[in-house]
Every structure is written in structure tokens, then in C-alpha cells.
Amino acid sequence: MSQQDYDEYGLGTRGVRAGQHRTNEMEQSEPIFLTSSFTFDSAAQAAARFSGEENGNIYSRFTNPTVRAFEQRLAALEGGEACVGTASGMSAILATAMTLLRSGDHVVASAGLFGTTTSLFSNILPKFGVESSFVPLTDYTAWEAAITPRTRFLFLETPSNPLTEVADIARLAELAHAHDCLLIVDNCFCTPVLQRPLELGADLVIHSATKYLDGQGRCVGGAVVGDRKTVGEEILGFLRTAGPTMSPFNAWVFLKGLETLRLRMRVHSDNAMALADWLQHQPGVRKVNYPGLAAHPQHALASSQQTGYGGIVSFEVEGGRESAWRLIDSTRLVSITANLGDAKTTITHPATTTHGRISPEQRAACGVTEGLIRLSVGLEDVADLQTDLERALARS
């Protein structure tokens, strides 16, 4: 089937079927093409492939059937025309920035971005003459005030990491387009199962495939999804030259992850909802951040913009870093790691890990306090997670 043929099918079917092109062996499961290069029938065909006159495989840095299958499947899930797989989520953001920006340009980004993304915009891009302004995610007046004639795109994560704030994608898309800018949304936390930014007006979607798209913490990868020209030609052109390439093996793992994505995201969301509600009533917990809670400031927006609330819960404990570290160290079941989106529940202290390399002022601006703890809620039995955390809270 062609990419368009899957438009009539539901999300579950796309996650299982889209992007598969069987070889003459008629395999049921997608094969892994572990090869660096591909042969040609003749010198003339090689020339035609390199010049772009003929479509086909050339070199696995930018054309590989397994990577292409992953790209087509994710594009079908997000509702995009094209997708480019990359070596990591950060390389997806870098490839997008290097493709769209030039010296003298400007970016407006949300203040609560993943710490490494903030470092990229604050420390790396300025070396190339690109400036960035950071604004509170839900302050739309601040977004508009920060836009200048040099602004090329607005960049955000929604829900945010780790406070799970939710931005109005349609409103920001309208604002961006009114100023001739693109809107780029990191959809890592929700995945296309729970949120489809392109349908809400966003121009590009970023993924760290390392997280929920894989779902079991096995491989590192990223992706950019959008229109055929920007993604399928321009960003692919950057990948072809600069080479932040997704490996075929990792692409195959992500393909298998996409098959169960819809099922997993529902369980992640259900478990996180139960755990967040339970945490609200525990002694020593000052605040719980989860869009599914009625007390969350953007609960109504999340309910209308998303089809589920995701698997990320953060909460603040009394006593600052000392209490937070004691709680984390007192857990026995959950894994102490900064990764997220795993089948196994993970716990981390954002102020000293994911956001540890940005300045204290930047951490304060995005609400990352010393007492904040982030949970990526996995697929275990909720009662077991509650028992583990209850024991740890008592010791903290």
C-alpha cells in the first residue's frame, strides 16, 4: 500500500501495518537491512540514483529500507507527509535547527524545555549567530511579545518536562503563522496516540524515539515529521550531508515498538492517573503535577487537546533536595534513571540530572525546584508502585 492508502485506517492499524513493503521472500515481520551500501544494475543507474533522477537506495546514511519503514509508519501515525529518522531525539532537533536557521535568525522557545534542548538553544546555536528567547509555556502574551522580524520558529514541548504544563497548540500555531513563523512541537510525552499536533496546526513534530516509541529502553533514536518539502527534502538533505543517521537495527526496534504503542500508552496513562491521584493524599507531598488531575491548571485544555494524559507525573516533597534524594534512594522497585517512556517505572531528580546543566535561574524560571521528583510511570501493577513509594515517603 502507498502512504495515502492508510489514511482511511485507524491508529491501531497504522501502527501495525503502515510502512511495510514485503520483499520477494514474503516475510510477515519487517526485515532488518544491515548493510552500509546498495548495488546498482549499471553505471547509468548509479548516476541516476545519485542525481535524484531515479528513486532508490544508495547508502544507508540516508536511504535504508528499514529506516524508511519506520519513517513511513510514524508519518502515518502523526498524519504527516514525510518523516526523517535520526540518531537521537537531540539530533532531530539539531537537524531541524540547522536546516531552518541561519546567522541572524531568532527562535522563541518555551522556558520549561528538556535541559539539553535548552542548552542547545542557549549555548550551541549562538555560536552560529542564532539567538533564542525563552518564555513561559502558557503565557501567550509573552510568546507574542518575544517574536521579532528575525524569528523563524516557535518551539515547545507539551506537556512540558517535568511539570507537565500543557500549551494550546492551535492558539500558538495561529500566532506563529500570523508572524510568518513555523510552530514546532516536541510530542515525546504524548506520542500520536494521545496527541496529534499537525492536526492542531503545528508545522513540524519532533520525537525522541528512545522514549515511548521504543517503549522498553532498548535503543536511541529520533524523528522529525511534517510536510514533504521541509522534511522530505530539506531536513533529509541535511541528514544526507551531515549524517546524524538512525541505524537500521534501531529502526527495526522502533518499528516493533510502534506496533504496541496504542496499547501501551493507554496503560501508561491509566497507571499514571491512579498514582497521581494517590500521591495527592500522601503526607510530605506538597504538590502533584499531572494533567489528568482536576486541580491541574490546564486540565480542561488537556482534556480537549489530548485523548489521554500520558505517563509522566512529577511531585514536590517537603525538605528540598535532601528529602527528595532520600526518597529516591529508598525505593526498591522503581528504577533510578533519567530515561523515560520505559515499560519499567523510572524515578529521577530533575534539578541534578535532566536540568542539572542549565543555570539555577533557568531552573527557577521553569519551576524545577530541589524538592521536585519526576516519575515515568510504567506498566507494573499500580498497587506495587504505591507500596514502593509509600515506603520511600515514610523514610524521606
Foldseek 3Di string as FASTA:
>chain_A
DDLVVCLVDDLLCLLQDWLDDDDPVRDPAHDFDQDFADDDPDPVRLVCPVVVVDDDTGGQLQDDSLLRSLFSSLQSLLVFPTKAKFQALVVQVVLLPVLQDAAPAEEEEELQAFQVVVCCQPPPVVVRNYHYHYDHQAPVVVVLVPDDLRYAEYEYEALGPAQRDGYQLLVVLVSQVVSPHAYEYADAQARSLWFRSVVSRHAKYKYFCCAQLLAANDHTMIMMGHYCPSRVPRSSVSSVPVRRHHHSVVSSSSSVSSSCSNVFFVLLQVLQVVVQVVLVPAPQWDDKRWLCDPPHPCVVVSVVRTVGGGNKMKTFGPDFQVLQVQLQVQFDQADDDPGARYLGKYKYQCCCPRNVPDDPVSCVNNVRTRRMMMIRGHNDDSVVVVVRNNRSNVRD
